[in-house]
Structure formats: structure tokens, C-alpha cells
């Protein structure tokens, strides 16, 4: 083999390697983007669920407060009767 043939083989090998690396990098990037998008969607869903639960908790707390007020009123009425 002459030096020129070896250089041609090496350059072809380098070109194939570079193409494979670029393809792998592109695939990795696409997978990474889609994975991040899925994670973002999951986080948004989790936030929505948390907000709904927080609203439910606030409503329940308001009911408890109302019940406590009613109980205080009833206790005061009982104490004033005696």
C-alpha cells in the first residue's frame, strides 16, 4: 500500500466516524428534548393536582371554621341560660 492509499482509507474512516458521531449526537438531542418535554408535562400535571387539593383544603378549612363559630355560639347560649 502506498501512502496515498492509506491516507484515503483513513480519511474515509474518519468521515464515517464523523457522520456516525453527528447522527448519534442528533438522536441524543432529539431524545433529550422529548424527555424534557415529558418531564415538563408531568410537572405541570402535578402542579395542577396540587392546586386542586389546596383549593379543596381551603374549602374544608372554611367549613371547619364555620362549624367552630356555630359551636361557640351554642356554647355561649347554653352558658347564658344558666
Protein backbone atom coordinates (compact mmCIF):
# COMPACT_ATOMS: atom_id res chain seq x y z
CA UNK A 1 0.00 0.00 0.00
CA UNK A 2 1.19 3.41 -0.78
CA UNK A 3 0.96 6.38 1.48
CA UNK A 4 -1.81 7.93 -0.62
CA UNK A 5 -3.96 4.77 -0.34
CA UNK A 6 -3.54 4.75 3.41
CA UNK A 7 -4.50 8.42 3.65
CA UNK A 8 -7.61 7.75 1.53
CA UNK A 9 -8.62 4.84 3.78
CA UNK A 10 -8.03 6.88 6.90
CA UNK A 11 -9.99 9.84 5.55
CA UNK A 12 -12.90 7.55 4.61
CA UNK A 13 -12.83 6.03 8.09
CA UNK A 14 -12.75 9.48 9.68
CA UNK A 15 -15.66 10.61 7.53
CA UNK A 16 -17.73 7.57 8.52
CA UNK A 17 -16.83 8.10 12.18
CA UNK A 18 -17.74 11.80 12.00
CA UNK A 19 -21.06 11.00 10.32
CA UNK A 20 -21.86 8.35 12.92
CA UNK A 21 -20.96 10.74 15.74
CA UNK A 22 -23.11 13.50 14.27
CA UNK A 23 -26.05 11.11 13.84
CA UNK A 24 -25.68 9.83 17.38
CA UNK A 25 -25.49 13.38 18.68
CA UNK A 26 -28.63 14.32 16.78
CA UNK A 27 -30.54 11.32 18.08
CA UNK A 28 -29.38 12.04 21.61
CA UNK A 29 -30.52 15.65 21.28
CA UNK A 30 -33.96 14.66 19.97
CA UNK A 31 -34.43 12.10 22.75
CA UNK A 32 -33.30 14.64 25.33
CA UNK A 33 -35.75 17.26 24.06
CA UNK A 34 -38.69 14.83 24.08
CA UNK A 35 -37.73 13.54 27.51
CA UNK A 36 -37.57 17.08 28.87
CA UNK A 37 -40.94 17.86 27.32
CA UNK A 38 -42.48 14.82 29.01
CA UNK A 39 -40.95 15.83 32.33
CA UNK A 40 -42.33 19.35 31.95
CA UNK A 41 -45.79 17.98 31.20
CA UNK A 42 -45.64 15.69 34.24
CA UNK A 43 -44.58 18.59 36.45
CA UNK A 44 -47.45 20.72 35.13
CA UNK A 45 -49.92 17.94 35.88
CA UNK A 46 -48.51 17.58 39.38
CA UNK A 47 -48.89 21.32 39.94
CA UNK A 48 -52.49 21.23 38.75
CA UNK A 49 -53.30 18.36 41.12
CA UNK A 50 -51.60 20.20 43.98
CA UNK A 51 -53.59 23.36 43.24
CA UNK A 52 -56.86 21.39 43.21
CA UNK A 53 -56.02 19.77 46.53
CA UNK A 54 -55.10 23.12 48.01
CA UNK A 55 -58.47 24.55 46.94
CA UNK A 56 -60.25 21.55 48.46
CA UNK A 57 -58.30 22.00 51.69
CA UNK A 58 -59.23 25.68 51.82
CA UNK A 59 -62.90 24.83 51.40
CA UNK A 60 -62.69 22.20 54.13
CA UNK A 61 -60.94 24.66 56.45
CA UNK A 62 -63.64 27.25 55.81
CA UNK A 63 -66.28 24.66 56.76
CA UNK A 64 -64.41 23.80 59.95
CA UNK A 65 -64.16 27.48 60.86
CA UNK A 66 -67.89 27.91 60.30
CA UNK A 67 -68.62 24.87 62.45
CA UNK A 68 -66.40 26.21 65.24
CA UNK A 69 -68.20 29.56 65.11
CA UNK A 70 -71.56 27.79 65.37
CA UNK A 71 -70.32 25.69 68.30
CA UNK A 72 -69.06 28.80 70.10
CA UNK A 73 -72.45 30.43 69.64
CA UNK A 74 -74.23 27.37 71.00
CA UNK A 75 -71.88 27.17 73.98
CA UNK A 76 -72.47 30.85 74.74
CA UNK A 77 -76.23 30.32 74.58
CA UNK A 78 -76.01 27.39 76.98
CA UNK A 79 -73.81 29.35 79.41
CA UNK A 80 -76.12 32.38 79.32
CA UNK A 81 -79.18 30.20 80.13
CA UNK A 82 -77.64 29.00 83.35
